[in-house]
Amino acid sequence: MKTTPDGRPVPPMRAAERPMLDAWLDFHRATLALKCSGLRDDQARRASAPPSTMTLLGLVQHLAEVERHWFQGVFAGLDVPPVFGADNPDGFGLRPGQGLDEALAVWRAEVARSREIVAGASLDDLGRLSAEEAGRVGAEGVSLRWIMVHLIEEYARHNGHADLLREGVDGVTGA
């Protein structure tokens, strides 16, 4: 597998649909980790793009919640609580004493669990949205294909936020 100079996996230029989706999701997961590499906890907690209160630590926590919700909750149909507690269901809230290394470990565990859940699944296999979510989009059933495309979009959007946050924290820019 080819990698970028910073070690992220390069998605194939030609591949079947599933390996392509897997590769792009892995690329964006690796990008989030890269944006957080080398930061101290105080830097990861810094809201460096005013007026937003978003932080890199909050993004990592949020994406752990996103992984759990979509792959365990929706796709696998498991009744799982929010990773960071019922009082922080989107994960953006920061708790005193919780650092970046801990959040990254939790996020990596959620990613590993996501991979286990979808291993061998068909892109056409369906998960079930909650009644509330189904009411917003008009259907209960959602394919693994849709979930994976949505996660790629979610990571790509938040990696853009991470670019700005990281630059504001210590001036580091790039990919």
N, C-alpha and C. Protein backbone atom coordinates (compact mmCIF):
# COMPACT_ATOMS: atom_id res chain seq x y z
N MET A 1 0.84 -1.18 0.00
CA MET A 1 0.00 0.00 0.00
C MET A 1 0.89 1.24 0.00
N LYS A 2 0.57 2.16 -0.87
CA LYS A 2 1.30 3.43 -0.92
C LYS A 2 0.85 4.31 0.25
N THR A 3 1.78 5.14 0.70
CA THR A 3 1.45 6.09 1.76
C THR A 3 1.95 7.47 1.35
N THR A 4 1.35 8.47 1.94
CA THR A 4 1.81 9.84 1.76
C THR A 4 3.11 10.00 2.54
N PRO A 5 3.88 11.07 2.30
CA PRO A 5 5.12 11.27 3.06
C PRO A 5 4.90 11.29 4.58
N ASP A 6 3.70 11.67 5.03
CA ASP A 6 3.43 11.70 6.47
C ASP A 6 2.85 10.38 6.98
N GLY A 7 2.77 9.37 6.12
CA GLY A 7 2.38 8.03 6.55
C GLY A 7 0.94 7.62 6.37
N ARG A 8 0.12 8.52 5.85
CA ARG A 8 -1.29 8.16 5.65
C ARG A 8 -1.44 7.26 4.43
N PRO A 9 -2.38 6.30 4.47
CA PRO A 9 -2.58 5.41 3.32
C PRO A 9 -3.19 6.16 2.15
N VAL A 10 -2.65 5.95 0.97
CA VAL A 10 -3.17 6.60 -0.24
C VAL A 10 -4.29 5.72 -0.81
N PRO A 11 -5.50 6.25 -0.92
CA PRO A 11 -6.58 5.46 -1.52
C PRO A 11 -6.23 5.08 -2.96
N PRO A 12 -6.60 3.87 -3.37
CA PRO A 12 -6.27 3.43 -4.73
C PRO A 12 -6.96 4.29 -5.78
N MET A 13 -6.30 4.46 -6.91
CA MET A 13 -6.87 5.23 -8.00
C MET A 13 -7.93 4.42 -8.76
N ARG A 14 -7.80 3.11 -8.70
CA ARG A 14 -8.77 2.21 -9.33
C ARG A 14 -9.00 1.06 -8.37
N ALA A 15 -10.25 0.81 -8.03
CA ALA A 15 -10.59 -0.30 -7.14
C ALA A 15 -12.08 -0.53 -7.20
N ALA A 16 -12.50 -1.67 -6.72
CA ALA A 16 -13.92 -1.94 -6.56
C ALA A 16 -14.47 -0.98 -5.49
N GLU A 17 -15.78 -0.89 -5.45
CA GLU A 17 -16.42 0.10 -4.58
C GLU A 17 -16.06 -0.07 -3.10
N ARG A 18 -16.16 -1.26 -2.56
CA ARG A 18 -15.92 -1.46 -1.13
C ARG A 18 -14.48 -1.13 -0.74
N PRO A 19 -13.48 -1.66 -1.45
CA PRO A 19 -12.11 -1.27 -1.08
C PRO A 19 -11.87 0.23 -1.22
N MET A 20 -12.53 0.86 -2.18
CA MET A 20 -12.37 2.31 -2.36
C MET A 20 -12.96 3.05 -1.15
N LEU A 21 -14.17 2.67 -0.74
CA LEU A 21 -14.79 3.33 0.41
C LEU A 21 -13.98 3.08 1.69
N ASP A 22 -13.54 1.84 1.89
CA ASP A 22 -12.71 1.53 3.06
C ASP A 22 -11.45 2.39 3.06
N ALA A 23 -10.80 2.51 1.91
CA ALA A 23 -9.54 3.25 1.82
C ALA A 23 -9.74 4.74 2.10
N TRP A 24 -10.81 5.32 1.55
CA TRP A 24 -11.04 6.74 1.79
C TRP A 24 -11.39 7.01 3.25
N LEU A 25 -12.16 6.11 3.86
CA LEU A 25 -12.48 6.29 5.28
C LEU A 25 -11.20 6.17 6.12
N ASP A 26 -10.36 5.20 5.80
CA ASP A 26 -9.09 5.06 6.53
C ASP A 26 -8.17 6.26 6.32
N PHE A 27 -8.16 6.81 5.11
CA PHE A 27 -7.36 8.01 4.84
C PHE A 27 -7.80 9.17 5.74
N HIS A 28 -9.11 9.36 5.83
CA HIS A 28 -9.61 10.48 6.66
C HIS A 28 -9.42 10.22 8.14
N ARG A 29 -9.54 8.97 8.57
CA ARG A 29 -9.23 8.65 9.96
C ARG A 29 -7.77 8.97 10.26
N ALA A 30 -6.87 8.59 9.36
CA ALA A 30 -5.44 8.86 9.54
C ALA A 30 -5.16 10.36 9.53
N THR A 31 -5.92 11.11 8.77
CA THR A 31 -5.74 12.56 8.72
C THR A 31 -6.09 13.18 10.07
N LEU A 32 -7.17 12.73 10.69
CA LEU A 32 -7.52 13.24 12.02
C LEU A 32 -6.39 12.97 13.01
N ALA A 33 -5.87 11.76 13.01
CA ALA A 33 -4.76 11.42 13.92
C ALA A 33 -3.55 12.30 13.64
N LEU A 34 -3.25 12.54 12.37
CA LEU A 34 -2.13 13.39 12.00
C LEU A 34 -2.31 14.81 12.54
N LYS A 35 -3.51 15.35 12.42
CA LYS A 35 -3.77 16.71 12.88
C LYS A 35 -3.56 16.86 14.38
N CYS A 36 -3.64 15.74 15.11
CA CYS A 36 -3.48 15.79 16.56
C CYS A 36 -2.08 15.39 17.03
N SER A 37 -1.25 14.93 16.11
CA SER A 37 0.05 14.40 16.52
C SER A 37 0.95 15.50 17.07
N GLY A 38 1.62 15.16 18.15
CA GLY A 38 2.59 16.07 18.74
C GLY A 38 2.01 17.18 19.59
N LEU A 39 0.73 17.16 19.84
CA LEU A 39 0.12 18.22 20.65
C LEU A 39 0.13 17.86 22.13
N ARG A 40 0.29 18.87 22.95
CA ARG A 40 0.10 18.73 24.38
C ARG A 40 -1.40 18.83 24.68
N ASP A 41 -1.80 18.38 25.85
CA ASP A 41 -3.21 18.44 26.21
C ASP A 41 -3.77 19.86 26.18
N ASP A 42 -2.99 20.82 26.68
CA ASP A 42 -3.49 22.20 26.69
C ASP A 42 -3.69 22.72 25.27
N GLN A 43 -2.86 22.27 24.33
CA GLN A 43 -3.04 22.70 22.94
C GLN A 43 -4.27 22.05 22.33
N ALA A 44 -4.50 20.79 22.62
CA ALA A 44 -5.66 20.08 22.08
C ALA A 44 -6.97 20.64 22.63
N ARG A 45 -6.91 21.27 23.79
CA ARG A 45 -8.10 21.87 24.42
C ARG A 45 -8.36 23.30 23.97
N ARG A 46 -7.43 23.87 23.20
CA ARG A 46 -7.53 25.28 22.83
C ARG A 46 -8.52 25.49 21.68
N ALA A 47 -9.48 26.37 21.90
CA ALA A 47 -10.41 26.78 20.84
C ALA A 47 -9.71 27.90 20.08
N SER A 48 -9.06 27.55 18.98
CA SER A 48 -8.14 28.48 18.32
C SER A 48 -8.72 29.14 17.07
N ALA A 49 -10.03 28.98 16.83
CA ALA A 49 -10.66 29.61 15.66
C ALA A 49 -11.91 30.35 16.10
N PRO A 50 -11.72 31.47 16.85
CA PRO A 50 -12.88 32.21 17.35
C PRO A 50 -13.79 32.67 16.21
N PRO A 51 -15.07 32.76 16.44
CA PRO A 51 -15.74 32.64 17.73
C PRO A 51 -16.12 31.20 18.09
N SER A 52 -15.73 30.24 17.29
CA SER A 52 -16.06 28.84 17.57
C SER A 52 -15.39 28.38 18.86
N THR A 53 -16.08 27.51 19.59
CA THR A 53 -15.52 26.89 20.79
C THR A 53 -14.98 25.49 20.50
N MET A 54 -14.95 25.10 19.23
CA MET A 54 -14.48 23.78 18.85
C MET A 54 -12.99 23.62 19.14
N THR A 55 -12.62 22.42 19.58
CA THR A 55 -11.22 22.11 19.87
C THR A 55 -10.85 20.80 19.18
N LEU A 56 -9.56 20.56 19.03
CA LEU A 56 -9.11 19.28 18.47
C LEU A 56 -9.50 18.11 19.38
N LEU A 57 -9.39 18.30 20.69
CA LEU A 57 -9.81 17.25 21.61
C LEU A 57 -11.29 16.96 21.45
N GLY A 58 -12.10 18.00 21.34
CA GLY A 58 -13.54 17.82 21.12
C GLY A 58 -13.83 17.12 19.82
N LEU A 59 -13.07 17.41 18.77
CA LEU A 59 -13.28 16.73 17.48
C LEU A 59 -12.98 15.24 17.59
N VAL A 60 -11.91 14.88 18.26
CA VAL A 60 -11.58 13.46 18.44
C VAL A 60 -12.71 12.76 19.19
N GLN A 61 -13.16 13.37 20.26
CA GLN A 61 -14.26 12.79 21.03
C GLN A 61 -15.52 12.67 20.18
N HIS A 62 -15.83 13.72 19.43
CA HIS A 62 -17.02 13.71 18.58
C HIS A 62 -16.95 12.58 17.57
N LEU A 63 -15.80 12.39 16.94
CA LEU A 63 -15.70 11.36 15.92
C LEU A 63 -15.71 9.96 16.53
N ALA A 64 -15.32 9.82 17.78
CA ALA A 64 -15.52 8.54 18.48
C ALA A 64 -17.02 8.29 18.63
N GLU A 65 -17.77 9.32 18.98
CA GLU A 65 -19.23 9.20 19.10
C GLU A 65 -19.86 8.86 17.75
N VAL A 66 -19.39 9.50 16.69
CA VAL A 66 -19.91 9.26 15.35
C VAL A 66 -19.67 7.80 14.94
N GLU A 67 -18.46 7.31 15.16
CA GLU A 67 -18.15 5.91 14.86
C GLU A 67 -19.11 4.98 15.60
N ARG A 68 -19.26 5.19 16.91
CA ARG A 68 -20.12 4.33 17.72
C ARG A 68 -21.57 4.39 17.24
N HIS A 69 -22.06 5.59 17.05
CA HIS A 69 -23.46 5.75 16.66
C HIS A 69 -23.77 5.02 15.35
N TRP A 70 -22.99 5.32 14.32
CA TRP A 70 -23.33 4.80 12.99
C TRP A 70 -23.03 3.32 12.82
N PHE A 71 -21.92 2.84 13.33
CA PHE A 71 -21.58 1.44 13.10
C PHE A 71 -22.17 0.51 14.16
N GLN A 72 -22.10 0.88 15.43
CA GLN A 72 -22.65 0.01 16.46
C GLN A 72 -24.16 0.21 16.63
N GLY A 73 -24.56 1.48 16.74
CA GLY A 73 -25.97 1.76 16.98
C GLY A 73 -26.85 1.53 15.77
N VAL A 74 -26.55 2.21 14.69
CA VAL A 74 -27.41 2.14 13.49
C VAL A 74 -27.19 0.85 12.72
N PHE A 75 -25.96 0.56 12.33
CA PHE A 75 -25.73 -0.59 11.46
C PHE A 75 -25.90 -1.92 12.21
N ALA A 76 -25.28 -2.06 13.37
CA ALA A 76 -25.36 -3.33 14.10
C ALA A 76 -26.60 -3.43 14.99
N GLY A 77 -27.29 -2.32 15.21
CA GLY A 77 -28.50 -2.35 16.03
C GLY A 77 -28.25 -2.56 17.51
N LEU A 78 -27.05 -2.22 17.97
CA LEU A 78 -26.72 -2.38 19.38
C LEU A 78 -27.21 -1.18 20.18
N ASP A 79 -27.64 -1.45 21.39
CA ASP A 79 -28.06 -0.38 22.29
C ASP A 79 -26.84 0.06 23.09
N VAL A 80 -26.13 1.04 22.55
CA VAL A 80 -24.89 1.50 23.18
C VAL A 80 -25.05 2.94 23.66
N PRO A 81 -24.55 3.22 24.85
CA PRO A 81 -24.63 4.59 25.35
C PRO A 81 -23.59 5.47 24.67
N PRO A 82 -23.75 6.77 24.75
CA PRO A 82 -22.71 7.65 24.22
C PRO A 82 -21.37 7.35 24.90
N VAL A 83 -20.31 7.42 24.13
CA VAL A 83 -18.96 7.11 24.62
C VAL A 83 -18.59 7.99 25.81
N PHE A 84 -18.88 9.28 25.71
CA PHE A 84 -18.44 10.23 26.73
C PHE A 84 -19.57 10.66 27.66
N GLY A 85 -20.61 9.84 27.74
CA GLY A 85 -21.68 10.05 28.71
C GLY A 85 -22.91 10.70 28.13
N ALA A 86 -24.03 10.44 28.79
CA ALA A 86 -25.33 10.95 28.35
C ALA A 86 -25.38 12.48 28.37
N ASP A 87 -24.55 13.10 29.21
CA ASP A 87 -24.53 14.55 29.29
C ASP A 87 -23.64 15.18 28.20
N ASN A 88 -23.03 14.35 27.36
CA ASN A 88 -22.14 14.84 26.30
C ASN A 88 -22.32 13.96 25.05
N PRO A 89 -23.56 13.84 24.56
CA PRO A 89 -23.82 12.86 23.49
C PRO A 89 -23.13 13.15 22.16
N ASP A 90 -22.77 14.39 21.90
CA ASP A 90 -22.06 14.68 20.65
C ASP A 90 -20.54 14.63 20.83
N GLY A 91 -20.09 14.55 22.09
CA GLY A 91 -18.67 14.40 22.38
C GLY A 91 -17.86 15.68 22.40
N PHE A 92 -18.43 16.79 22.03
CA PHE A 92 -17.64 18.02 21.94
C PHE A 92 -17.25 18.60 23.30
N GLY A 93 -18.03 18.30 24.33
CA GLY A 93 -17.74 18.83 25.66
C GLY A 93 -16.45 18.26 26.23
N LEU A 94 -15.69 19.11 26.90
CA LEU A 94 -14.42 18.69 27.49
C LEU A 94 -14.58 18.53 28.99
N ARG A 95 -13.90 17.51 29.52
CA ARG A 95 -13.93 17.26 30.96
C ARG A 95 -12.54 17.56 31.53
N PRO A 96 -12.49 18.16 32.72
CA PRO A 96 -11.18 18.39 33.34
C PRO A 96 -10.45 17.05 33.51
N GLY A 97 -9.18 17.08 33.23
CA GLY A 97 -8.37 15.89 33.44
C GLY A 97 -8.36 14.88 32.30
N GLN A 98 -9.29 15.00 31.35
CA GLN A 98 -9.28 14.08 30.22
C GLN A 98 -8.37 14.66 29.16
N GLY A 99 -7.35 13.88 28.78
CA GLY A 99 -6.37 14.37 27.83
C GLY A 99 -6.52 13.80 26.45
N LEU A 100 -5.68 14.29 25.58
CA LEU A 100 -5.72 13.88 24.18
C LEU A 100 -5.35 12.41 24.00
N ASP A 101 -4.34 11.93 24.70
CA ASP A 101 -3.95 10.52 24.55
C ASP A 101 -5.10 9.59 24.90
N GLU A 102 -5.80 9.90 25.98
CA GLU A 102 -6.95 9.09 26.38
C GLU A 102 -8.05 9.14 25.32
N ALA A 103 -8.35 10.32 24.83
CA ALA A 103 -9.40 10.46 23.81
C ALA A 103 -9.03 9.74 22.53
N LEU A 104 -7.76 9.84 22.12
CA LEU A 104 -7.32 9.13 20.91
C LEU A 104 -7.41 7.62 21.10
N ALA A 105 -7.09 7.12 22.29
CA ALA A 105 -7.19 5.68 22.55
C ALA A 105 -8.65 5.23 22.46
N VAL A 106 -9.55 6.01 23.01
CA VAL A 106 -10.98 5.68 22.94
C VAL A 106 -11.44 5.71 21.48
N TRP A 107 -11.05 6.76 20.75
CA TRP A 107 -11.42 6.87 19.34
C TRP A 107 -10.89 5.68 18.55
N ARG A 108 -9.62 5.32 18.76
CA ARG A 108 -9.04 4.18 18.04
C ARG A 108 -9.79 2.88 18.37
N ALA A 109 -10.22 2.72 19.60
CA ALA A 109 -10.99 1.53 19.97
C ALA A 109 -12.34 1.52 19.25
N GLU A 110 -12.96 2.68 19.13
CA GLU A 110 -14.24 2.77 18.41
C GLU A 110 -14.03 2.46 16.93
N VAL A 111 -12.95 2.95 16.34
CA VAL A 111 -12.63 2.65 14.94
C VAL A 111 -12.42 1.16 14.77
N ALA A 112 -11.68 0.54 15.68
CA ALA A 112 -11.43 -0.91 15.58
C ALA A 112 -12.75 -1.68 15.67
N ARG A 113 -13.62 -1.26 16.57
CA ARG A 113 -14.92 -1.92 16.70
C ARG A 113 -15.75 -1.73 15.44
N SER A 114 -15.70 -0.54 14.84
CA SER A 114 -16.41 -0.28 13.58
C SER A 114 -15.94 -1.23 12.49
N ARG A 115 -14.63 -1.39 12.39
CA ARG A 115 -14.07 -2.29 11.38
C ARG A 115 -14.53 -3.72 11.59
N GLU A 116 -14.56 -4.17 12.85
CA GLU A 116 -15.04 -5.53 13.15
C GLU A 116 -16.48 -5.71 12.72
N ILE A 117 -17.30 -4.73 13.00
CA ILE A 117 -18.74 -4.83 12.72
C ILE A 117 -19.00 -4.94 11.22
N VAL A 118 -18.27 -4.20 10.40
CA VAL A 118 -18.56 -4.19 8.96
C VAL A 118 -17.74 -5.21 8.18
N ALA A 119 -16.79 -5.87 8.82
CA ALA A 119 -15.98 -6.88 8.12
C ALA A 119 -16.91 -7.94 7.54
N GLY A 120 -16.82 -8.14 6.27
CA GLY A 120 -17.63 -9.16 5.62
C GLY A 120 -19.04 -8.74 5.29
N ALA A 121 -19.45 -7.56 5.72
CA ALA A 121 -20.81 -7.10 5.42
C ALA A 121 -20.88 -6.57 3.99
N SER A 122 -22.03 -6.67 3.41
CA SER A 122 -22.27 -6.14 2.07
C SER A 122 -22.63 -4.66 2.17
N LEU A 123 -22.25 -3.92 1.16
CA LEU A 123 -22.63 -2.50 1.13
C LEU A 123 -24.13 -2.32 1.06
N ASP A 124 -24.85 -3.36 0.65
CA ASP A 124 -26.31 -3.28 0.57
C ASP A 124 -27.00 -3.70 1.87
N ASP A 125 -26.24 -4.24 2.84
CA ASP A 125 -26.84 -4.60 4.13
C ASP A 125 -27.38 -3.34 4.79
N LEU A 126 -28.49 -3.51 5.51
CA LEU A 126 -29.16 -2.36 6.10
C LEU A 126 -29.00 -2.28 7.61
N GLY A 127 -28.89 -1.04 8.06
CA GLY A 127 -29.00 -0.72 9.47
C GLY A 127 -30.33 -0.01 9.65
N ARG A 128 -30.67 0.29 10.88
CA ARG A 128 -31.95 0.94 11.18
C ARG A 128 -31.73 2.25 11.93
N LEU A 129 -32.33 3.29 11.42
CA LEU A 129 -32.30 4.58 12.09
C LEU A 129 -33.33 4.60 13.20
N SER A 130 -33.11 5.45 14.18
CA SER A 130 -34.12 5.66 15.21
C SER A 130 -35.35 6.30 14.56
N ALA A 131 -36.47 6.25 15.24
CA ALA A 131 -37.68 6.86 14.71
C ALA A 131 -37.47 8.36 14.47
N GLU A 132 -36.75 9.01 15.39
CA GLU A 132 -36.48 10.45 15.24
C GLU A 132 -35.65 10.72 13.98
N GLU A 133 -34.56 9.96 13.80
CA GLU A 133 -33.71 10.14 12.62
C GLU A 133 -34.48 9.80 11.34
N ALA A 134 -35.24 8.72 11.37
CA ALA A 134 -36.02 8.30 10.21
C ALA A 134 -37.04 9.38 9.83
N GLY A 135 -37.59 10.04 10.83
CA GLY A 135 -38.55 11.12 10.57
C GLY A 135 -37.92 12.28 9.81
N ARG A 136 -36.64 12.52 10.06
CA ARG A 136 -35.95 13.62 9.36
C ARG A 136 -35.59 13.26 7.93
N VAL A 137 -35.25 11.98 7.68
CA VAL A 137 -34.79 11.60 6.35
C VAL A 137 -35.82 10.83 5.54
N GLY A 138 -36.88 10.36 6.19
CA GLY A 138 -37.96 9.72 5.45
C GLY A 138 -37.89 8.21 5.32
N ALA A 139 -36.94 7.55 5.97
CA ALA A 139 -36.87 6.09 5.90
C ALA A 139 -36.10 5.56 7.11
N GLU A 140 -36.42 4.34 7.52
CA GLU A 140 -35.73 3.72 8.64
C GLU A 140 -34.46 3.00 8.19
N GLY A 141 -34.55 2.29 7.06
CA GLY A 141 -33.43 1.49 6.61
C GLY A 141 -32.36 2.34 5.93
N VAL A 142 -31.11 2.05 6.28
CA VAL A 142 -29.99 2.78 5.69
C VAL A 142 -28.90 1.76 5.37
N SER A 143 -28.37 1.82 4.14
CA SER A 143 -27.38 0.84 3.71
C SER A 143 -26.00 1.16 4.29
N LEU A 144 -25.19 0.11 4.39
CA LEU A 144 -23.80 0.32 4.80
C LEU A 144 -23.11 1.27 3.83
N ARG A 145 -23.44 1.20 2.56
CA ARG A 145 -22.87 2.11 1.55
C ARG A 145 -23.13 3.56 1.97
N TRP A 146 -24.38 3.88 2.31
CA TRP A 146 -24.75 5.24 2.71
C TRP A 146 -23.98 5.65 3.96
N ILE A 147 -23.91 4.73 4.93
CA ILE A 147 -23.21 5.03 6.18
C ILE A 147 -21.74 5.34 5.90
N MET A 148 -21.11 4.54 5.07
CA MET A 148 -19.69 4.76 4.78
C MET A 148 -19.46 6.08 4.05
N VAL A 149 -20.30 6.39 3.08
CA VAL A 149 -20.17 7.67 2.38
C VAL A 149 -20.39 8.82 3.36
N HIS A 150 -21.38 8.67 4.23
CA HIS A 150 -21.64 9.71 5.23
C HIS A 150 -20.44 9.90 6.16
N LEU A 151 -19.83 8.80 6.59
CA LEU A 151 -18.67 8.91 7.48
C LEU A 151 -17.49 9.56 6.77
N ILE A 152 -17.29 9.25 5.51
CA ILE A 152 -16.23 9.91 4.74
C ILE A 152 -16.49 11.41 4.70
N GLU A 153 -17.71 11.79 4.45
CA GLU A 153 -18.09 13.21 4.43
C GLU A 153 -17.90 13.84 5.80
N GLU A 154 -18.31 13.15 6.84
CA GLU A 154 -18.20 13.67 8.21
C GLU A 154 -16.73 13.91 8.57
N TYR A 155 -15.89 12.92 8.31
CA TYR A 155 -14.46 13.09 8.59
C TYR A 155 -13.85 14.20 7.74
N ALA A 156 -14.19 14.24 6.46
CA ALA A 156 -13.61 15.27 5.58
C ALA A 156 -13.97 16.67 6.08
N ARG A 157 -15.22 16.86 6.45
CA ARG A 157 -15.66 18.17 6.96
C ARG A 157 -14.91 18.52 8.24
N HIS A 158 -14.85 17.56 9.16
CA HIS A 158 -14.19 17.86 10.43
C HIS A 158 -12.68 17.94 10.30
N ASN A 159 -12.10 17.27 9.32
CA ASN A 159 -10.67 17.44 9.09
C ASN A 159 -10.37 18.84 8.58
N GLY A 160 -11.29 19.44 7.86
CA GLY A 160 -11.14 20.85 7.49
C GLY A 160 -11.13 21.74 8.73
N HIS A 161 -12.02 21.43 9.67
CA HIS A 161 -12.00 22.17 10.94
C HIS A 161 -10.67 21.95 11.65
N ALA A 162 -10.21 20.70 11.64
CA ALA A 162 -8.95 20.37 12.32
C ALA A 162 -7.77 21.14 11.71
N ASP A 163 -7.79 21.33 10.38
CA ASP A 163 -6.74 22.13 9.73
C ASP A 163 -6.67 23.52 10.34
N LEU A 164 -7.82 24.16 10.44
CA LEU A 164 -7.86 25.53 10.98
C LEU A 164 -7.49 25.57 12.45
N LEU A 165 -8.00 24.60 13.21
CA LEU A 165 -7.69 24.58 14.64
C LEU A 165 -6.20 24.36 14.87
N ARG A 166 -5.62 23.41 14.16
CA ARG A 166 -4.19 23.13 14.35
C ARG A 166 -3.34 24.34 13.96
N GLU A 167 -3.66 24.98 12.87
CA GLU A 167 -2.91 26.17 12.48
C GLU A 167 -3.00 27.25 13.56
N GLY A 168 -4.18 27.40 14.15
CA GLY A 168 -4.35 28.39 15.20
C GLY A 168 -3.62 28.04 16.48
N VAL A 169 -3.44 26.75 16.73
CA VAL A 169 -2.77 26.31 17.95
C VAL A 169 -1.26 26.51 17.87
N ASP A 170 -0.64 26.04 16.78
CA ASP A 170 0.82 26.09 16.73
C ASP A 170 1.39 26.43 15.36
N GLY A 171 0.52 26.85 14.43
CA GLY A 171 1.01 27.26 13.12
C GLY A 171 1.23 26.14 12.13
N VAL A 172 1.04 24.88 12.54
CA VAL A 172 1.25 23.76 11.62
C VAL A 172 0.14 23.72 10.59
N THR A 173 0.52 23.64 9.32
CA THR A 173 -0.43 23.59 8.23
C THR A 173 -0.12 22.39 7.33
N GLY A 174 -1.02 22.15 6.41
CA GLY A 174 -0.78 21.10 5.42
C GLY A 174 -1.74 19.95 5.56
N ALA A 175 -1.71 19.12 4.52
CA ALA A 175 -2.55 17.94 4.37
C ALA A 175 -3.35 17.68 5.60
